[in-house]
Amino acid sequence: MSEILFIAHRIPFPPDRGDKIRSHHVLRRLADLAPVHVATLAEDEYDRAEEQALAAIAETYCLARRSKPLALAGLEALATGKPVSVTAFHSPALDAYVADVLASRPISAIYVFSGQMGQYVPAAFGGRIVMDFVDVDSAKFEAYGQNKSGPRGWIDAREGRELVREEARLAARADLSVLISDNERDLFVSRLPAGVKADVRTMGNGLDAAFFDPAAAGTARELAEMTGPKIVFTGQMDYAPNIEAAERAMDSIMPLVCKEFPSASFHVVGRNPPERLLARHGKQGMFVWGRVPDMREWLKGADLALVPLDIARGVQNKVLEAMAMALPVVLSPGAATGIPARDGEHFRIGETDSELADAVIGLVRSQERAQAMGAAAREWILAEASWHAALAPLADWLGFPGGGLRDAA
């Protein structure tokens, strides 16, 4: 029986951040098709604690620790002409595991999650290869480089240039490359060098609407104890675009909201916030909570989600989760990219700080309107955004037409 090798840059457990949510559901679908072997990395003790969950689904696995200092990865990248993203995620343990699995098991297909991990696919492998780039990392680093000056701007601009070459190499090597939205797919294709032939398609994200259901969650005690409008921003808070979005909300949008509603509060919820955000906790209505046990409790306890992302790639799970929880969402055009819901009905888009603030103020003033938008958002999620539909093409892409033997069973 044919088997699958799944290579991912982070352990797909717990599914509590954008990339892990997608990789988690992909892995579960692969395990429905055939025995799956997993090569992945752990970044901290929280990741290590999920090893049992990985062992329960994988036929075999290697969970290596990613501990290489970024400075060392940068020096290796300069010496080898590779992107820092590639050297930072290189592990001799994963190299050895992949070689052993391919030599000893009937692997007919490899699914690579994230471009950093394409380095583990050997040139001699003759089965099918699906590269899940998710979004266009090279464009993201180019944007970082344009927005920064000095050494950091140079580093990010170099990373963007090197990633363009790596993305082209991997797309040409793979049988199929997938991106999270049509916009990301079109951008990816537009950046491929002339002469590079690649089959590039879209595979969107879904959402577990049975889990993200306001009827299935309580309210965070910290929010329940507060009065006034409660506005939330969620995400992985060591991710630069999320940090910048939170600061934009604190510095430029919430002051406008607070002129109308002095008791309004803004809540940043998500793991690993930097010190510069933590230092603002409890000041002028701004709160930074870090990692929480259940994000649903914070979405249910809030009156509104504010997502003013300037640099946004792919589909924002934080938006889908808030919508599923029937929470009205005010967001930037970038944060709405790849979500074909209707502005003004399922969420409210604002481009400038004043437009975003006005949208927040309007929804806070009209609870009836806010509740209607939240209800319409959840209905849209239920109708349009299931994981079953999103992952339906995987069987054919990986060479299991009609599903694998496990589907048949």
Protein backbone atom coordinates (compact mmCIF):
# COMPACT_ATOMS: atom_id res chain seq x y z
CA MET A 1 0.00 0.00 0.00
CA SER A 2 1.28 3.47 -0.86
CA GLU A 3 2.21 5.77 2.02
CA ILE A 4 2.71 9.53 2.44
CA LEU A 5 5.52 11.63 3.88
CA PHE A 6 4.38 14.92 5.44
CA ILE A 7 7.05 17.56 6.10
CA ALA A 8 6.09 20.67 8.10
CA HIS A 9 8.06 23.50 9.66
CA ARG A 10 6.12 23.32 12.94
CA ILE A 11 4.38 20.45 14.70
CA PRO A 12 0.70 20.64 13.65
CA PHE A 13 -0.49 20.53 17.28
CA PRO A 14 -2.18 22.27 18.92
CA PRO A 15 -4.07 23.96 16.07
CA ASP A 16 -3.95 27.35 17.79
CA ARG A 17 -2.31 29.62 15.20
CA GLY A 18 -2.80 30.18 11.47
CA ASP A 19 -0.13 27.89 10.05
CA LYS A 20 -0.76 25.12 12.60
CA ILE A 21 -4.48 25.19 11.95
CA ARG A 22 -3.94 24.57 8.24
CA SER A 23 -1.21 21.95 8.69
CA HIS A 24 -3.27 20.18 11.37
CA HIS A 25 -6.25 19.70 9.07
CA VAL A 26 -4.08 18.75 6.11
CA LEU A 27 -2.34 16.10 8.23
CA ARG A 28 -5.65 14.66 9.38
CA ARG A 29 -6.85 14.40 5.78
CA LEU A 30 -3.60 12.72 4.71
CA ALA A 31 -4.00 10.18 7.51
CA ASP A 32 -7.45 9.35 6.12
CA LEU A 33 -5.87 8.54 2.76
CA ALA A 34 -2.91 6.38 3.80
CA PRO A 35 -0.32 5.74 6.52
CA VAL A 36 1.48 9.04 6.99
CA HIS A 37 5.02 9.67 8.22
CA VAL A 38 5.74 13.10 9.70
CA ALA A 39 8.96 15.11 9.74
CA THR A 40 8.53 18.29 11.75
CA LEU A 41 10.05 20.68 14.28
CA ALA A 42 9.33 21.80 17.84
CA GLU A 43 10.17 25.32 18.95
CA ASP A 44 9.51 25.17 22.70
CA GLU A 45 8.21 23.06 25.57
CA TYR A 46 4.61 23.69 24.50
CA ASP A 47 5.36 22.06 21.15
CA ARG A 48 7.14 19.16 22.84
CA ALA A 49 4.10 18.58 25.03
CA GLU A 50 2.11 17.77 21.87
CA GLU A 51 4.29 14.79 20.90
CA GLN A 52 1.67 12.31 22.11
CA ALA A 53 -0.95 13.85 19.82
CA LEU A 54 1.46 13.56 16.89
CA ALA A 55 2.26 9.94 17.74
CA ALA A 56 -1.44 9.08 17.76
CA ILE A 57 -1.91 10.03 14.10
CA ALA A 58 1.47 9.35 12.50
CA GLU A 59 2.68 5.92 11.39
CA THR A 60 6.18 7.12 12.29
CA TYR A 61 7.52 10.59 13.02
CA CYS A 62 10.56 12.69 13.82
CA LEU A 63 10.00 15.71 16.07
CA ALA A 64 13.30 17.58 16.08
CA ARG A 65 14.03 20.64 18.21
CA ARG A 66 14.51 23.88 16.31
CA SER A 67 17.08 25.66 18.43
CA LYS A 68 19.51 27.25 15.97
CA PRO A 69 20.10 30.90 16.91
CA LEU A 70 18.91 33.33 14.27
CA ALA A 71 22.34 34.96 14.10
CA LEU A 72 23.93 31.60 13.25
CA ALA A 73 21.24 30.92 10.63
CA GLY A 74 21.99 34.33 9.15
CA LEU A 75 25.72 33.64 8.89
CA GLU A 76 25.03 30.28 7.26
CA ALA A 77 22.68 31.95 4.80
CA LEU A 78 25.30 34.53 3.81
CA ALA A 79 27.97 31.84 3.41
CA THR A 80 25.79 29.56 1.28
CA GLY A 81 23.70 32.08 -0.65
CA LYS A 82 20.50 30.64 0.79
CA PRO A 83 17.54 32.37 2.45
CA VAL A 84 17.74 32.66 6.23
CA SER A 85 14.33 30.98 6.28
CA VAL A 86 15.95 27.84 4.86
CA THR A 87 19.05 27.70 7.08
CA ALA A 88 17.01 28.47 10.20
CA PHE A 89 14.81 25.41 9.62
CA HIS A 90 17.57 22.99 8.67
CA SER A 91 17.95 19.97 10.97
CA PRO A 92 20.38 17.05 10.49
CA ALA A 93 17.91 14.90 12.43
CA LEU A 94 15.17 15.57 9.88
CA ASP A 95 17.62 14.95 7.02
CA ALA A 96 18.40 11.52 8.45
CA TYR A 97 14.75 10.68 9.17
CA VAL A 98 13.56 11.61 5.68
CA ALA A 99 16.33 9.53 4.09
CA ASP A 100 15.44 6.54 6.27
CA VAL A 101 11.69 6.75 5.61
CA LEU A 102 12.17 7.04 1.85
CA ALA A 103 14.54 4.06 1.88
CA SER A 104 12.40 1.80 4.06
CA ARG A 105 8.75 2.67 3.37
CA PRO A 106 6.62 2.64 0.18
CA ILE A 107 6.32 6.43 -0.01
CA SER A 108 4.44 7.43 -3.16
CA ALA A 109 3.85 11.09 -2.31
CA ILE A 110 5.40 13.89 -0.27
CA TYR A 111 3.36 16.82 1.02
CA VAL A 112 5.60 19.75 1.97
CA PHE A 113 4.05 22.37 4.20
CA SER A 114 5.79 25.77 3.87
CA GLY A 115 8.58 26.70 1.50
CA GLN A 116 11.31 26.45 4.15
CA MET A 117 10.87 22.68 4.16
CA GLY A 118 11.35 22.00 0.46
CA GLN A 119 15.05 21.54 1.23
CA TYR A 120 14.28 18.07 2.64
CA VAL A 121 12.95 16.60 -0.62
CA PRO A 122 15.82 14.68 -2.28
CA ALA A 123 16.46 15.17 -5.98
CA ALA A 124 16.15 11.43 -6.59
CA PHE A 125 12.60 11.06 -5.24
CA GLY A 126 10.36 9.89 -8.08
CA GLY A 127 6.89 10.06 -6.50
CA ARG A 128 4.44 12.92 -6.41
CA ILE A 129 5.34 16.16 -4.64
CA VAL A 130 2.85 18.76 -3.46
CA MET A 131 4.34 22.05 -2.23
CA ASP A 132 2.02 24.01 0.05
CA PHE A 133 3.55 27.48 0.12
CA VAL A 134 0.44 28.83 1.90
CA ASP A 135 1.31 32.41 0.94
CA VAL A 136 4.09 34.25 -0.88
CA ASP A 137 6.86 34.63 1.68
CA SER A 138 9.17 36.43 -0.74
CA ALA A 139 6.63 39.23 -1.21
CA LYS A 140 6.20 39.53 2.54
CA PHE A 141 9.93 40.04 3.11
CA GLU A 142 10.13 42.47 0.21
CA ALA A 143 7.45 44.53 1.93
CA TYR A 144 9.39 44.39 5.20
CA GLY A 145 12.51 45.58 3.41
CA GLN A 146 10.69 48.51 1.84
CA ASN A 147 9.21 49.58 5.17
CA LYS A 148 12.48 49.48 7.12
CA SER A 149 15.86 51.18 6.81
CA GLY A 150 19.38 50.30 7.87
CA PRO A 151 20.71 46.77 8.35
CA ARG A 152 17.30 45.22 9.06
CA GLY A 153 15.87 46.64 5.84
CA TRP A 154 18.83 45.22 3.89
CA ILE A 155 18.41 41.80 5.54
CA ASP A 156 14.71 41.63 4.75
CA ALA A 157 15.23 42.82 1.16
CA ARG A 158 17.91 40.13 0.66
CA GLU A 159 15.57 37.52 2.11
CA GLY A 160 12.89 38.53 -0.37
CA ARG A 161 15.30 38.18 -3.30
CA GLU A 162 16.62 34.80 -2.18
CA LEU A 163 13.14 33.46 -1.49
CA VAL A 164 12.01 34.34 -5.02
CA ARG A 165 14.70 31.99 -6.32
CA GLU A 166 13.88 29.27 -3.80
CA GLU A 167 10.16 29.46 -4.53
CA ALA A 168 10.82 29.13 -8.27
CA ARG A 169 13.13 26.14 -7.70
CA LEU A 170 10.58 24.33 -5.54
CA ALA A 171 7.63 25.09 -7.82
CA ALA A 172 9.52 23.70 -10.81
CA ARG A 173 10.47 20.59 -8.80
CA ALA A 174 6.94 19.88 -7.50
CA ASP A 175 4.14 18.21 -9.40
CA LEU A 176 1.80 20.77 -7.89
CA SER A 177 2.13 23.94 -5.82
CA VAL A 178 -0.73 25.37 -3.80
CA LEU A 179 -1.44 28.78 -2.30
CA ILE A 180 -4.13 29.78 0.16
CA SER A 181 -6.10 32.16 -2.09
CA ASP A 182 -6.49 33.15 -5.73
CA ASN A 183 -4.75 36.45 -4.98
CA GLU A 184 -1.73 34.68 -3.50
CA ARG A 185 -1.66 32.19 -6.39
CA ASP A 186 -1.72 34.95 -8.98
CA LEU A 187 1.00 36.88 -7.14
CA PHE A 188 3.15 33.74 -6.88
CA VAL A 189 2.82 33.00 -10.60
CA SER A 190 3.60 36.60 -11.53
CA ARG A 191 6.92 36.37 -9.66
CA LEU A 192 8.16 33.17 -11.32
CA PRO A 193 11.09 33.79 -13.67
CA ALA A 194 10.49 33.45 -17.39
CA GLY A 195 10.82 29.86 -18.51
CA VAL A 196 9.86 28.28 -15.19
CA LYS A 197 7.01 25.82 -15.72
CA ALA A 198 4.88 25.10 -12.68
CA ASP A 199 1.36 23.87 -11.93
CA VAL A 200 0.11 26.36 -9.30
CA ARG A 201 -3.36 26.12 -7.79
CA THR A 202 -5.47 27.41 -4.92
CA MET A 203 -6.40 25.50 -1.78
CA GLY A 204 -8.13 27.73 0.72
CA ASN A 205 -8.50 27.34 4.46
CA GLY A 206 -11.58 26.01 6.15
CA LEU A 207 -12.82 26.46 9.68
CA ASP A 208 -14.16 24.10 12.34
CA ALA A 209 -17.43 25.93 12.93
CA ALA A 210 -18.60 23.30 15.44
CA PHE A 211 -15.63 24.22 17.64
CA PHE A 212 -15.77 27.97 16.99
CA ASP A 213 -19.39 28.23 18.03
CA PRO A 214 -20.53 30.87 20.53
CA ALA A 215 -22.93 28.32 22.01
CA ALA A 216 -19.99 26.05 22.87
CA ALA A 217 -17.88 28.57 24.80
CA GLY A 218 -17.99 30.60 27.97
CA THR A 219 -16.79 34.16 28.44
CA ALA A 220 -13.29 35.06 29.62
CA ARG A 221 -13.52 36.18 33.25
CA GLU A 222 -11.21 39.13 32.60
CA LEU A 223 -13.59 40.53 30.01
CA ALA A 224 -16.75 39.74 31.98
CA GLU A 225 -15.44 41.89 34.86
CA MET A 226 -14.99 44.94 32.62
CA THR A 227 -17.55 47.56 31.61
CA GLY A 228 -17.67 49.53 28.38
CA PRO A 229 -17.08 48.37 24.79
CA LYS A 230 -14.48 45.59 24.60
CA ILE A 231 -12.52 45.37 21.36
CA VAL A 232 -10.18 42.44 20.67
CA PHE A 233 -7.23 41.64 18.44
CA THR A 234 -6.00 38.02 18.36
CA GLY A 235 -2.94 36.36 16.87
CA GLN A 236 0.58 35.08 17.28
CA MET A 237 2.14 38.13 18.88
CA ASP A 238 5.80 37.54 18.02
CA TYR A 239 4.82 37.97 14.34
CA ALA A 240 5.84 41.40 13.07
CA PRO A 241 2.63 42.25 11.12
CA ASN A 242 0.52 41.38 14.18
CA ILE A 243 2.69 43.54 16.44
CA GLU A 244 2.42 46.45 14.02
CA ALA A 245 -1.35 45.99 13.72
CA ALA A 246 -1.78 46.00 17.51
CA GLU A 247 0.33 49.14 17.81
CA ARG A 248 -1.62 50.81 15.02
CA ALA A 249 -4.84 50.08 16.88
CA MET A 250 -3.43 51.34 20.18
CA ASP A 251 -1.77 54.48 18.82
CA SER A 252 -4.04 55.64 16.01
CA ILE A 253 -7.46 53.96 16.05
CA MET A 254 -8.44 53.43 19.68
CA PRO A 255 -7.76 57.07 20.68
CA LEU A 256 -10.42 58.08 18.13
CA VAL A 257 -12.81 55.45 19.50
CA CYS A 258 -12.18 56.51 23.09
CA LYS A 259 -13.17 60.10 22.29
CA GLU A 260 -16.68 58.76 21.70
CA PHE A 261 -16.56 55.94 24.27
CA PRO A 262 -14.10 56.78 27.08
CA SER A 263 -14.71 53.40 28.75
CA ALA A 264 -13.74 51.41 25.64
CA SER A 265 -10.90 48.90 26.07
CA PHE A 266 -8.62 47.15 23.58
CA HIS A 267 -7.39 43.61 24.24
CA VAL A 268 -4.43 41.93 22.52
CA VAL A 269 -4.72 38.17 22.95
CA GLY A 270 -2.10 35.71 21.72
CA ARG A 271 1.14 34.11 22.73
CA ASN A 272 4.62 35.62 22.90
CA PRO A 273 3.86 39.37 22.89
CA PRO A 274 7.05 41.48 22.94
CA GLU A 275 8.02 43.59 25.92
CA ARG A 276 7.03 46.79 24.16
CA LEU A 277 3.45 45.57 24.05
CA LEU A 278 3.47 44.04 27.53
CA ALA A 279 4.63 47.39 28.91
CA ARG A 280 1.30 48.91 27.83
CA HIS A 281 -0.88 46.40 29.69
CA GLY A 282 -3.41 48.14 31.89
CA LYS A 283 -2.62 51.64 30.63
CA GLN A 284 -5.16 53.92 28.93
CA GLY A 285 -7.59 51.06 28.33
CA MET A 286 -5.02 48.83 26.58
CA PHE A 287 -4.53 45.22 27.73
CA VAL A 288 -2.05 42.58 26.53
CA TRP A 289 -2.93 39.11 27.78
CA GLY A 290 -0.49 36.77 26.04
CA ARG A 291 -1.25 33.06 25.69
CA VAL A 292 -4.73 32.03 26.86
CA PRO A 293 -6.23 28.55 27.36
CA ASP A 294 -9.23 29.07 25.06
CA MET A 295 -9.38 31.85 22.47
CA ARG A 296 -13.11 31.29 22.01
CA GLU A 297 -13.79 32.74 25.47
CA TRP A 298 -12.16 36.02 24.46
CA LEU A 299 -13.99 36.21 21.16
CA LYS A 300 -17.30 35.53 22.89
CA GLY A 301 -16.59 38.08 25.62
CA ALA A 302 -15.67 40.87 23.20
CA ASP A 303 -18.06 43.27 21.51
CA LEU A 304 -16.03 43.55 18.32
CA ALA A 305 -12.81 42.37 16.64
CA LEU A 306 -10.48 44.96 15.12
CA VAL A 307 -7.91 43.70 12.58
CA PRO A 308 -5.94 46.64 11.08
CA LEU A 309 -3.18 44.67 9.35
CA ASP A 310 -0.95 46.64 6.99
CA ILE A 311 1.02 43.63 5.69
CA ALA A 312 -1.21 40.58 5.31
CA ARG A 313 -0.49 37.47 3.26
CA GLY A 314 -2.99 34.74 2.58
CA VAL A 315 -6.22 34.29 4.53
CA GLN A 316 -6.40 35.54 8.10
CA ASN A 317 -7.68 32.76 10.37
CA LYS A 318 -8.22 35.31 13.12
CA VAL A 319 -10.91 36.88 10.94
CA LEU A 320 -12.60 33.55 10.14
CA GLU A 321 -12.58 32.55 13.81
CA ALA A 322 -14.17 35.82 14.93
CA MET A 323 -16.80 35.52 12.20
CA ALA A 324 -17.59 31.95 13.24
CA MET A 325 -18.07 33.18 16.81
CA ALA A 326 -20.68 35.67 15.50
CA LEU A 327 -18.44 38.58 16.46
CA PRO A 328 -18.62 41.66 14.20
CA VAL A 329 -15.25 42.35 12.59
CA VAL A 330 -13.76 45.67 11.47
CA LEU A 331 -10.70 45.10 9.30
CA SER A 332 -8.28 46.54 6.78
CA PRO A 333 -8.41 45.62 3.07
CA GLY A 334 -5.32 43.43 3.52
CA ALA A 335 -6.91 41.47 6.35
CA ALA A 336 -9.98 40.85 4.17
CA THR A 337 -7.95 39.50 1.24
CA GLY A 338 -8.96 35.99 0.24
CA ILE A 339 -12.23 36.05 2.20
CA PRO A 340 -15.05 36.52 -0.35
CA ALA A 341 -17.57 37.82 2.18
CA ARG A 342 -19.46 41.07 1.61
CA ASP A 343 -18.31 44.37 3.09
CA GLY A 344 -21.06 45.93 5.18
CA GLU A 345 -22.91 42.64 5.61
CA HIS A 346 -20.45 40.04 6.93
CA PHE A 347 -17.73 42.44 8.12
CA ARG A 348 -16.78 46.11 7.74
CA ILE A 349 -13.68 47.20 5.82
CA GLY A 350 -11.88 50.48 6.50
CA GLU A 351 -8.64 51.62 4.90
CA THR A 352 -7.53 54.63 6.94
CA ASP A 353 -7.34 54.94 10.71
CA SER A 354 -10.33 57.28 10.74
CA GLU A 355 -12.38 54.92 8.55
CA LEU A 356 -11.61 52.00 10.85
CA ALA A 357 -12.44 54.07 13.94
CA ASP A 358 -15.71 55.26 12.41
CA ALA A 359 -16.66 51.67 11.60
CA VAL A 360 -15.95 50.61 15.20
CA ILE A 361 -17.91 53.56 16.59
CA GLY A 362 -20.88 52.85 14.32
CA LEU A 363 -21.10 49.22 15.40
CA VAL A 364 -20.69 50.05 19.09
CA ARG A 365 -23.48 52.63 18.84
CA SER A 366 -25.88 50.18 17.19
CA GLN A 367 -25.98 46.86 19.00
CA GLU A 368 -28.76 45.70 16.71
CA ARG A 369 -26.56 46.30 13.66
CA ALA A 370 -23.56 44.67 15.31
CA GLN A 371 -25.55 41.57 16.26
CA ALA A 372 -26.97 41.29 12.75
CA MET A 373 -23.48 41.49 11.25
CA GLY A 374 -22.18 38.83 13.65
CA ALA A 375 -25.07 36.50 12.85
CA ALA A 376 -24.59 37.00 9.10
CA ALA A 377 -20.87 36.32 9.49
CA ARG A 378 -21.48 32.98 11.20
CA GLU A 379 -24.03 31.98 8.59
CA TRP A 380 -21.47 32.75 5.88
CA ILE A 381 -18.84 30.60 7.62
CA LEU A 382 -21.25 27.67 7.88
CA ALA A 383 -22.15 27.91 4.18
CA GLU A 384 -18.80 28.76 2.62
CA ALA A 385 -15.83 27.85 4.81
CA SER A 386 -15.66 24.16 5.77
CA TRP A 387 -12.43 22.14 5.90
CA HIS A 388 -14.11 19.23 4.12
CA ALA A 389 -14.69 21.38 1.05
CA ALA A 390 -11.29 23.08 1.22
CA LEU A 391 -9.33 19.80 1.28
CA ALA A 392 -11.47 17.87 -1.21
CA PRO A 393 -8.86 17.96 -4.05
CA LEU A 394 -6.03 16.45 -1.95
CA ALA A 395 -6.71 12.81 -2.80
CA ASP A 396 -6.40 13.36 -6.54
CA TRP A 397 -3.41 15.69 -6.18
CA LEU A 398 -1.49 13.08 -4.21
CA GLY A 399 -2.35 10.18 -6.51
CA PHE A 400 -5.18 8.63 -4.50
CA PRO A 401 -8.11 9.05 -6.94
CA GLY A 402 -11.42 8.41 -5.23
CA GLY A 403 -9.69 8.50 -1.86
CA GLY A 404 -7.27 6.07 -0.30
CA LEU A 405 -7.80 2.64 1.16
CA ARG A 406 -8.64 4.15 4.51
CA ASP A 407 -11.42 6.20 2.95
CA ALA A 408 -12.78 3.03 1.36
CA ALA A 409 -12.68 1.24 4.68
